[in-house]
Every structure is written in structure tokens, then in C-alpha cells.
Amino acid sequence: MNTKETTDAGISKELALGKFTDKMLDDMRALIGTELRTESCLNNEYATRLAIMRFCEGIGDDNPLWTDANYAKDGPYKTLVAPPSFIFACLGSVQVGWPGLGGFHAETKMTFNEPIRVGEKITAKVTFDGFDGPIDDSNFGGRRIKDYLRQEYRNENGELKATFICSRMRFERGEMQKRRESRAIEVPHPWKDEEIAEIEKQILAERPRGAETRYWDDVQVGDELDVITKGPLGLTDFIAFIAAGAAPIPRVAAHAVSLKRYHKHPKWAFRDPRTHALEPVYSVHYNDYAAQLQGAQIAYDVGIQRTCWQIHSLTNWMGDAGQLRAITGQYRAHVYLGDVVRLGGRVESKEIDTNGEYVVKLTTWATNQRDQKVMPGTAVVALPKRPAA
């Protein structure tokens, strides 16, 4: 197969194979502090009932506080609210610079204020905050940098709902491809029927804490969260995340709409040699061929998708009256089609913060069936104080 064959539009059968250059680095330094255009990446401007429901279906979270209006009217907000992760369904992220380089989402840092209520209009502002490197990392993908996008989400009254610091690793795809075989594992995982039955039994037993208030007073250091499980991950799980409106950079489109984009920006796409169809770079998350060009084994999850699962775990634990204040997460390994991820956490400390809120600080984790720590992280949750007797 001649992977370097191109069309008249300049679209190749491989992903772009850019290289770090002094000019590229200088150009990117000149962009530091720039507010980025977001129009092509916006998904939902309003937190409508159906937008919230679609998003929750796409991450597998059926908490009635997000999805059942009759239940929510008796809750702490007297109306439906969106899960904290819903900001990704407004705008997951955008692309900036680094022409021809590959990218993996490396780390997430988020802070949250009041929840998004049904009907609110959410606007995202994205700023390029710079990058670290380049540095050499021969064990993974050769020369690389880590860049930072600051994303702020506000409602129509200008109230800040959440801040998301999105960090990505940028690398030369040719170097990643050279090292792919050194990271080879058996994929998809060879599950046995009895293992699948037990996994599905565990998933069906999961429940959010809901209206049963978890009081700060009753939490003890060392307490562990109930585990939630995602998987075995199928293609529909990955597509559902796109259907939820959470596919970043830019929106996924079809037919003439996408073709016009790819002819204008040839490096946004490649031609699949099996189907002869044009596919976006984003298809590394559902197209094995594209994922292998990126240096992975087969199709793999989206970084913010994994963060949505982390938030699902936390909101299940804290109950309706709790509020998520902050999280961090580092993406340490690919999560592939067929994998199972179990998410949990542990209470590390309790305190009254500078705002007078009663908070607990947690260590969180996500572990696959290979016992890889695929997303170590942290969280801060505000809980109600038990009323005096």
C-alpha cells in the first residue's frame, strides 16, 4: 500500500508527518495569550433538557438529577441541572497551531462554581496559555512538547460556571509510529463469557447516592468511593460520545460539508485505503487504521471522555446536595476498544476552606483490566454540614 499517495486536494492516505522546527516554535510563542476562534467547535449553546439528556446518555450517566424533571424539582436546585462535565458538550476544545504534528490529551485541571441549570446559555472563551519544551522522551514518542489551553465557561449573565485547563502532548507522528510495536498488547482484550457476565452485573448494581444527603461530618479520612465500571468499551460507546455533542476540534460532519472543509484544510483528513472515504484526524477514536497511524494499537477513547467518567464516579458518591469544586486527571495510557475501566477514589483530608465551605479532598483513579493506572487524579467536593441537634 502506498500510504503517501495524495489527491489533487493534497489529502494523503496517512496522517500528516510534521516535524518540530525553530520557525514552528517561534510561531507558537508568538501566539501565547491569544484568544482562539471557537465557532467551528461549538456544539450546544443552551443547556436544554434534550441536550443534557443526550450528553448523559453519551457518557452512561442516568442520575435523575440530570434527566428526570419530576425528580429534580424536589432537589436542591428545584429544577434540572447538568452534570459538571456538560461543559464538554458546549465546547470540548479547539485546535491551535503545531501543523502536521500528532497530539494526545495529557492532563486536565478543572474548577467548578454553581451548576448549570436547564435553559442557561453557555459561552466558552479559549486562550492559548503557552507550552513547555520541547523535550526528548525516547521511551514514548521522541521529541515532544506540552501545551496549555485555558477554557472559561460563562452563562448569559457573565457568571463563571467552570474553568478547564486542557494540556496536550504534541509529537512527531513518524517517531510514534516507530515505537508502536514496542508498546504492543493484545487488543481487543480476550474476555471470557463469565467475566463479561460479572462485569455487567456490577454495572447494573451501580446507583447514585441521590437524595440521601452525604454530610461532611460523617465522612472519614480513608473512606473509599463506590467503584463504577465502563466497558467492555464498544464502538457504539465511542460514537455515543460524539452523538452527545462532546466531540472536540472541530465538529464531525459528513458529505459535502466535510469535503469542503478537507479541501480547504487537507491536513484535517486522510483517505482510508480500505473504504476510500475521507476521514477526519478525530477518527483515531473509532478507526483502527487512523489510530495506528497515530502510533496506537487500535481505536482509543477521548481524554475528556475519561474525565466525564471520573466526574460520574464523584457525583454518584457525593449525592444531590454535594458540589464538585475541582478535579485533576492525567492520561497515562490509551484506553482501547474492548477495554474495561474501573473508577474509584479515597478521601485524603477534610477541611473548611477559605470560602467557608466544608470540603473533602480525594485521590481518584481509573484502572483498566491490565492493572494500568490510566488516569490518576484528585478532586475537591463540598458537602453540607449536618445541622445542629
Protein backbone atom coordinates (compact mmCIF):
# COMPACT_ATOMS: atom_id res chain seq x y z
CA MET A 1 0.00 0.00 0.00
CA ASN A 2 1.37 3.39 -0.97
CA THR A 3 0.39 5.44 2.06
CA LYS A 4 1.98 8.59 0.64
CA GLU A 5 -0.35 8.73 -2.37
CA THR A 6 -2.23 12.04 -2.42
CA THR A 7 -5.20 13.53 -4.26
CA ASP A 8 -5.30 16.78 -6.18
CA ALA A 9 -6.57 18.36 -2.97
CA GLY A 10 -3.37 17.34 -1.18
CA ILE A 11 -5.11 14.75 1.04
CA SER A 12 -2.93 11.74 1.82
CA LYS A 13 -3.65 8.17 2.88
CA GLU A 14 -1.69 8.88 6.04
CA LEU A 15 -1.89 11.48 8.78
CA ALA A 16 0.39 14.48 8.38
CA LEU A 17 4.02 13.84 9.36
CA GLY A 18 5.19 17.22 10.58
CA LYS A 19 8.48 17.96 12.33
CA PHE A 20 9.43 20.38 15.08
CA THR A 21 11.26 23.35 13.60
CA ASP A 22 12.63 26.56 15.06
CA LYS A 23 10.11 28.52 12.99
CA MET A 24 7.21 26.45 14.35
CA LEU A 25 8.32 27.06 17.92
CA ASP A 26 8.77 30.79 17.29
CA ASP A 27 5.33 31.00 15.67
CA MET A 28 3.72 29.26 18.64
CA ARG A 29 5.49 31.51 21.16
CA ALA A 30 4.04 34.49 19.28
CA LEU A 31 0.53 33.07 19.83
CA ILE A 32 0.78 32.92 23.62
CA GLY A 33 -2.08 34.89 25.17
CA THR A 34 -4.20 34.75 22.01
CA GLU A 35 -7.96 34.21 22.35
CA LEU A 36 -8.87 31.49 19.87
CA ARG A 37 -11.81 31.27 17.48
CA THR A 38 -14.36 28.70 18.63
CA GLU A 39 -17.25 28.87 16.16
CA SER A 40 -16.40 25.63 14.30
CA CYS A 41 -16.12 23.70 17.57
CA LEU A 42 -19.28 24.84 19.37
CA ASN A 43 -21.82 22.06 19.96
CA ASN A 44 -24.51 23.28 22.38
CA GLU A 45 -25.07 26.92 23.29
CA TYR A 46 -28.05 26.17 25.55
CA ALA A 47 -28.41 23.58 28.29
CA THR A 48 -31.76 22.32 27.05
CA ARG A 49 -33.42 19.28 28.57
CA LEU A 50 -32.66 17.22 25.48
CA ALA A 51 -29.06 18.43 25.19
CA ILE A 52 -28.42 17.42 28.80
CA MET A 53 -30.14 14.07 28.28
CA ARG A 54 -28.18 13.28 25.11
CA PHE A 55 -24.93 14.12 26.86
CA CYS A 56 -25.76 11.93 29.86
CA GLU A 57 -26.63 9.04 27.55
CA GLY A 58 -23.31 9.53 25.77
CA ILE A 59 -21.32 9.11 28.99
CA GLY A 60 -23.57 6.46 30.55
CA ASP A 61 -24.81 8.55 33.50
CA ASP A 62 -28.53 8.12 34.32
CA ASN A 63 -28.58 10.21 37.52
CA PRO A 64 -32.19 11.52 37.76
CA LEU A 65 -30.93 14.91 38.97
CA TRP A 66 -29.84 15.48 35.36
CA THR A 67 -32.55 13.59 33.47
CA ASP A 68 -35.85 13.46 35.42
CA ALA A 69 -37.64 16.81 35.74
CA ASN A 70 -40.14 15.49 38.32
CA TYR A 71 -37.32 14.21 40.49
CA ALA A 72 -35.21 17.35 40.09
CA LYS A 73 -37.99 19.78 41.11
CA ASP A 74 -37.80 18.35 44.62
CA GLY A 75 -34.00 18.51 44.69
CA PRO A 76 -31.65 21.22 45.95
CA TYR A 77 -31.94 23.32 42.76
CA LYS A 78 -35.73 22.90 42.21
CA THR A 79 -35.03 22.24 38.52
CA LEU A 80 -32.95 20.05 36.25
CA VAL A 81 -29.23 20.76 36.31
CA ALA A 82 -26.49 19.43 34.08
CA PRO A 83 -23.63 17.24 35.34
CA PRO A 84 -20.42 19.27 35.79
CA SER A 85 -18.95 17.60 32.71
CA PHE A 86 -21.69 19.09 30.48
CA ILE A 87 -19.34 21.95 29.59
CA PHE A 88 -17.66 19.50 27.18
CA ALA A 89 -20.96 19.25 25.30
CA CYS A 90 -20.83 23.02 24.82
CA LEU A 91 -17.23 23.08 23.62
CA GLY A 92 -14.79 20.25 24.19
CA SER A 93 -11.72 22.00 22.88
CA VAL A 94 -10.16 23.62 19.81
CA GLN A 95 -7.01 23.15 17.76
CA VAL A 96 -4.21 25.68 17.65
CA GLY A 97 -1.02 25.57 15.58
CA TRP A 98 1.52 22.71 15.50
CA PRO A 99 0.94 21.94 11.79
CA GLY A 100 1.40 18.27 10.93
CA LEU A 101 2.13 17.12 14.50
CA GLY A 102 0.18 14.49 16.38
CA GLY A 103 -1.45 15.14 19.71
CA PHE A 104 -2.66 13.30 22.80
CA HIS A 105 -4.64 14.91 25.59
CA ALA A 106 -2.21 14.66 28.50
CA GLU A 107 -3.80 16.31 31.54
CA THR A 108 -6.96 18.07 32.72
CA LYS A 109 -7.40 20.59 35.51
CA MET A 110 -10.90 21.92 36.22
CA THR A 111 -12.67 24.13 38.74
CA PHE A 112 -16.44 24.47 39.12
CA ASN A 113 -18.80 27.04 40.59
CA GLU A 114 -22.60 26.83 40.59
CA PRO A 115 -24.13 24.05 38.45
CA ILE A 116 -25.52 24.78 35.00
CA ARG A 117 -29.32 24.93 35.20
CA VAL A 118 -31.61 23.82 32.39
CA GLY A 119 -32.12 26.65 29.90
CA GLU A 120 -28.91 28.55 30.63
CA LYS A 121 -26.83 29.77 27.69
CA ILE A 122 -23.17 28.83 27.98
CA THR A 123 -20.38 30.67 26.18
CA ALA A 124 -16.78 29.45 26.07
CA LYS A 125 -13.69 31.63 25.88
CA VAL A 126 -10.46 29.82 24.94
CA THR A 127 -6.97 31.26 25.39
CA PHE A 128 -3.63 29.75 24.37
CA ASP A 129 -1.51 29.89 27.52
CA GLY A 130 1.73 28.57 26.04
CA PHE A 131 3.78 25.37 26.15
CA ASP A 132 6.65 23.54 27.83
CA GLY A 133 9.55 22.09 25.87
CA PRO A 134 10.36 20.65 23.51
CA ILE A 135 11.95 17.84 25.46
CA ASP A 136 13.11 14.36 24.45
CA ASP A 137 11.11 11.32 25.55
CA SER A 138 12.53 8.44 23.57
CA ASN A 139 10.65 5.79 25.55
CA PHE A 140 7.28 7.01 24.27
CA GLY A 141 7.38 9.18 21.20
CA GLY A 142 10.61 11.05 20.75
CA ARG A 143 10.67 14.82 20.91
CA ARG A 144 7.53 16.39 22.35
CA ILE A 145 6.00 19.48 23.92
CA LYS A 146 3.10 20.03 26.31
CA ASP A 147 0.77 22.91 25.55
CA TYR A 148 -1.99 24.58 27.54
CA LEU A 149 -5.42 25.91 26.61
CA ARG A 150 -7.45 27.82 29.22
CA GLN A 151 -11.18 27.46 28.65
CA GLU A 152 -13.68 29.52 30.64
CA TYR A 153 -17.42 28.83 30.52
CA ARG A 154 -19.92 31.55 31.47
CA ASN A 155 -23.70 31.88 31.37
CA GLU A 156 -25.67 34.72 29.80
CA ASN A 157 -25.22 36.81 32.96
CA GLY A 158 -21.45 36.52 32.77
CA GLU A 159 -21.27 34.17 35.76
CA LEU A 160 -18.27 31.84 35.57
CA LYS A 161 -19.50 28.26 35.68
CA ALA A 162 -16.26 26.35 35.13
CA THR A 163 -12.64 26.65 34.06
CA PHE A 164 -10.84 23.90 32.14
CA ILE A 165 -7.07 23.83 31.61
CA CYS A 166 -6.55 21.43 28.71
CA SER A 167 -2.98 20.18 28.30
CA ARG A 168 -1.92 18.20 25.26
CA MET A 169 1.27 16.42 24.30
CA ARG A 170 2.39 17.25 20.75
CA PHE A 171 4.75 14.87 18.96
CA GLU A 172 6.11 13.81 15.58
CA ARG A 173 3.87 11.00 14.32
CA GLY A 174 6.71 9.29 12.47
CA GLU A 175 8.54 8.80 15.78
CA MET A 176 5.39 7.50 17.48
CA GLN A 177 4.84 5.03 14.65
CA LYS A 178 8.40 3.68 15.01
CA ARG A 179 7.72 2.86 18.67
CA ARG A 180 4.22 1.40 18.24
CA GLU A 181 5.35 -2.23 18.21
CA SER A 182 7.32 -1.74 21.42
CA ARG A 183 4.02 -0.94 23.14
CA ALA A 184 2.10 -3.82 21.53
CA ILE A 185 -0.53 -5.56 23.64
CA GLU A 186 -3.33 -8.00 22.84
CA VAL A 187 -6.29 -5.95 21.62
CA PRO A 188 -9.19 -6.25 21.81
CA HIS A 189 -8.89 -7.97 25.19
CA PRO A 190 -9.82 -11.72 25.10
CA TRP A 191 -12.70 -11.64 27.59
CA LYS A 192 -14.37 -14.86 28.75
CA ASP A 193 -18.16 -15.09 28.91
CA GLU A 194 -18.19 -15.46 32.68
CA GLU A 195 -16.00 -12.35 33.04
CA ILE A 196 -18.39 -10.33 30.90
CA ALA A 197 -21.36 -11.54 32.93
CA GLU A 198 -19.72 -10.41 36.18
CA ILE A 199 -18.77 -7.00 34.75
CA GLU A 200 -22.32 -6.37 33.56
CA LYS A 201 -23.72 -7.49 36.93
CA GLN A 202 -21.51 -4.90 38.65
CA ILE A 203 -22.57 -2.14 36.27
CA LEU A 204 -26.28 -2.89 36.73
CA ALA A 205 -25.83 -2.67 40.52
CA GLU A 206 -24.41 0.90 40.41
CA ARG A 207 -26.58 3.63 41.92
CA PRO A 208 -26.11 7.35 42.55
CA ARG A 209 -26.48 8.35 46.21
CA GLY A 210 -29.20 10.77 45.13
CA ALA A 211 -31.40 12.47 47.74
CA GLU A 212 -29.78 10.69 50.68
CA THR A 213 -27.59 13.56 51.89
CA ARG A 214 -23.93 12.80 52.45
CA TYR A 215 -22.88 15.06 55.29
CA TRP A 216 -19.33 16.32 55.69
CA ASP A 217 -19.43 15.30 59.38
CA ASP A 218 -19.97 11.65 58.50
CA VAL A 219 -17.10 11.33 56.03
CA GLN A 220 -13.90 9.80 57.37
CA VAL A 221 -10.36 10.03 56.04
CA GLY A 222 -9.68 6.77 54.26
CA ASP A 223 -13.26 6.27 53.06
CA GLU A 224 -13.39 4.93 49.52
CA LEU A 225 -15.84 5.73 46.75
CA ASP A 226 -18.02 3.01 45.30
CA VAL A 227 -16.42 1.77 42.09
CA ILE A 228 -18.14 2.45 38.77
CA THR A 229 -17.25 0.47 35.67
CA LYS A 230 -17.14 1.43 31.99
CA GLY A 231 -16.89 -1.31 29.39
CA PRO A 232 -16.06 -3.50 27.69
CA LEU A 233 -15.92 -0.42 25.50
CA GLY A 234 -17.58 -0.84 22.14
CA LEU A 235 -17.67 1.24 19.00
CA THR A 236 -21.14 2.49 19.91
CA ASP A 237 -19.79 3.78 23.25
CA PHE A 238 -17.30 5.90 21.33
CA ILE A 239 -19.86 7.04 18.76
CA ALA A 240 -22.37 7.87 21.53
CA PHE A 241 -19.87 10.33 22.93
CA ILE A 242 -19.83 12.10 19.57
CA ALA A 243 -23.65 12.00 19.38
CA ALA A 244 -23.70 13.57 22.85
CA GLY A 245 -22.17 16.70 21.34
CA ALA A 246 -18.85 16.20 23.09
CA ALA A 247 -16.56 15.58 20.13
CA PRO A 248 -13.90 18.30 20.11
CA ILE A 249 -11.90 20.03 17.39
CA PRO A 250 -13.90 20.56 15.21
CA ARG A 251 -17.45 19.20 14.90
CA VAL A 252 -17.71 15.92 12.99
CA ALA A 253 -19.53 16.42 9.68
CA ALA A 254 -20.47 14.43 6.56
CA HIS A 255 -20.67 14.55 2.78
CA ALA A 256 -20.32 17.95 1.09
CA VAL A 257 -19.91 19.81 4.37
CA SER A 258 -16.87 17.77 5.39
CA LEU A 259 -15.48 17.54 1.85
CA LYS A 260 -15.38 21.33 1.52
CA ARG A 261 -13.57 21.57 4.86
CA TYR A 262 -10.98 18.96 3.90
CA HIS A 263 -10.25 20.59 0.56
CA LYS A 264 -9.71 23.86 2.40
CA HIS A 265 -7.64 22.19 5.16
CA PRO A 266 -6.09 18.99 3.68
CA LYS A 267 -4.24 18.11 6.89
CA TRP A 268 -7.55 17.75 8.76
CA ALA A 269 -8.25 14.46 6.96
CA PHE A 270 -6.81 11.36 5.34
CA ARG A 271 -8.18 8.86 2.81
CA ASP A 272 -8.89 5.44 4.30
CA PRO A 273 -7.26 2.91 1.89
CA ARG A 274 -9.91 0.28 2.65
CA THR A 275 -13.10 2.31 2.14
CA HIS A 276 -11.56 5.13 0.03
CA ALA A 277 -13.58 7.55 2.17
CA LEU A 278 -12.15 10.70 3.69
CA GLU A 279 -11.91 10.55 7.48
CA PRO A 280 -11.05 13.28 9.97
CA VAL A 281 -8.00 13.07 12.21
CA TYR A 282 -10.50 12.72 15.06
CA SER A 283 -11.38 9.24 13.74
CA VAL A 284 -8.41 7.84 15.68
CA HIS A 285 -11.18 7.38 18.28
CA TYR A 286 -13.17 4.93 16.15
CA ASN A 287 -10.98 3.94 13.17
CA ASP A 288 -8.22 1.40 13.81
CA TYR A 289 -6.23 2.40 10.74
CA ALA A 290 -6.15 6.05 11.84
CA ALA A 291 -5.23 5.08 15.39
CA GLN A 292 -2.27 3.04 14.13
CA LEU A 293 -1.05 6.00 12.08
CA GLN A 294 -1.12 7.94 15.36
CA GLY A 295 1.15 5.33 16.96
CA ALA A 296 -1.59 3.49 18.89
CA GLN A 297 -2.69 -0.15 18.56
CA ILE A 298 -6.38 0.29 17.66
CA ALA A 299 -9.06 2.95 18.25
CA TYR A 300 -8.94 4.55 21.68
CA ASP A 301 -11.02 6.82 23.90
CA VAL A 302 -11.03 10.61 24.15
CA GLY A 303 -9.26 12.19 27.12
CA ILE A 304 -12.25 14.27 28.20
CA GLN A 305 -14.45 11.19 27.84
CA ARG A 306 -12.41 9.58 30.59
CA THR A 307 -12.79 12.74 32.70
CA CYS A 308 -16.57 12.51 32.26
CA TRP A 309 -16.40 9.03 33.79
CA GLN A 310 -14.33 10.38 36.69
CA ILE A 311 -16.96 13.06 37.32
CA HIS A 312 -19.72 10.44 37.10
CA SER A 313 -17.97 8.49 39.86
CA LEU A 314 -17.72 11.59 42.06
CA THR A 315 -21.29 12.82 41.60
CA ASN A 316 -22.62 9.33 42.33
CA TRP A 317 -20.74 9.42 45.62
CA MET A 318 -21.46 12.97 46.79
CA GLY A 319 -25.23 12.89 46.29
CA ASP A 320 -27.60 15.62 45.15
CA ALA A 321 -26.58 18.11 47.85
CA GLY A 322 -22.85 17.87 47.23
CA GLN A 323 -20.99 20.11 44.81
CA LEU A 324 -17.89 19.25 42.83
CA ARG A 325 -15.36 22.08 43.17
CA ALA A 326 -12.20 20.85 41.43
CA ILE A 327 -10.64 17.88 39.70
CA THR A 328 -7.37 16.92 38.07
CA GLY A 329 -6.61 13.95 35.87
CA GLN A 330 -3.57 12.68 33.97
CA TYR A 331 -3.98 10.38 30.96
CA ARG A 332 -1.29 7.76 31.35
CA ALA A 333 -2.18 5.10 28.76
CA HIS A 334 -4.56 4.51 25.89
CA VAL A 335 -7.95 3.04 26.70
CA TYR A 336 -8.75 0.82 23.73
CA LEU A 337 -11.87 -0.68 22.21
CA GLY A 338 -12.70 -3.75 24.30
CA ASP A 339 -11.11 -2.42 27.48
CA VAL A 340 -12.81 -2.15 30.87
CA VAL A 341 -12.09 0.82 33.12
CA ARG A 342 -12.95 0.89 36.83
CA LEU A 343 -13.06 4.28 38.55
CA GLY A 344 -12.83 4.98 42.25
CA GLY A 345 -11.25 7.19 44.86
CA ARG A 346 -10.33 7.72 48.51
CA VAL A 347 -10.84 10.57 50.98
CA GLU A 348 -7.46 12.05 51.92
CA SER A 349 -8.48 15.00 54.11
CA LYS A 350 -11.33 17.22 55.36
CA GLU A 351 -11.27 20.96 55.97
CA ILE A 352 -13.18 24.22 55.98
CA ASP A 353 -11.85 26.17 53.01
CA THR A 354 -11.29 29.92 52.65
CA ASN A 355 -14.85 30.35 51.36
CA GLY A 356 -16.25 28.74 54.49
CA GLU A 357 -17.28 25.58 52.65
CA TYR A 358 -16.93 22.16 54.20
CA VAL A 359 -14.83 20.24 51.71
CA VAL A 360 -13.23 16.84 51.35
CA LYS A 361 -10.14 16.23 49.25
CA LEU A 362 -9.84 12.97 47.40
CA THR A 363 -7.38 10.93 45.39
CA THR A 364 -9.08 9.40 42.35
CA TRP A 365 -8.08 6.68 39.96
CA ALA A 366 -9.08 4.78 36.85
CA THR A 367 -7.65 1.30 36.26
CA ASN A 368 -8.00 -0.99 33.26
CA GLN A 369 -8.08 -4.81 33.17
CA ARG A 370 -4.29 -4.82 32.69
CA ASP A 371 -3.92 -3.08 36.09
CA GLN A 372 -2.62 0.04 34.37
CA LYS A 373 -3.37 3.31 36.16
CA VAL A 374 -4.86 5.03 33.13
CA MET A 375 -5.98 8.22 34.93
CA PRO A 376 -4.62 9.13 38.36
CA GLY A 377 -6.22 12.31 39.68
CA THR A 378 -7.58 14.37 42.54
CA ALA A 379 -10.88 16.00 43.46
CA VAL A 380 -12.36 18.52 45.87
CA VAL A 381 -16.02 18.11 46.88
CA ALA A 382 -18.09 20.48 49.04
CA LEU A 383 -20.62 18.74 51.28
CA PRO A 384 -23.33 20.08 53.60
CA LYS A 385 -22.65 20.32 57.32
CA ARG A 386 -25.01 18.30 59.47
CA PRO A 387 -27.45 20.63 61.23
CA ALA A 388 -27.00 21.10 64.95
CA ALA A 389 -29.26 18.88 67.03
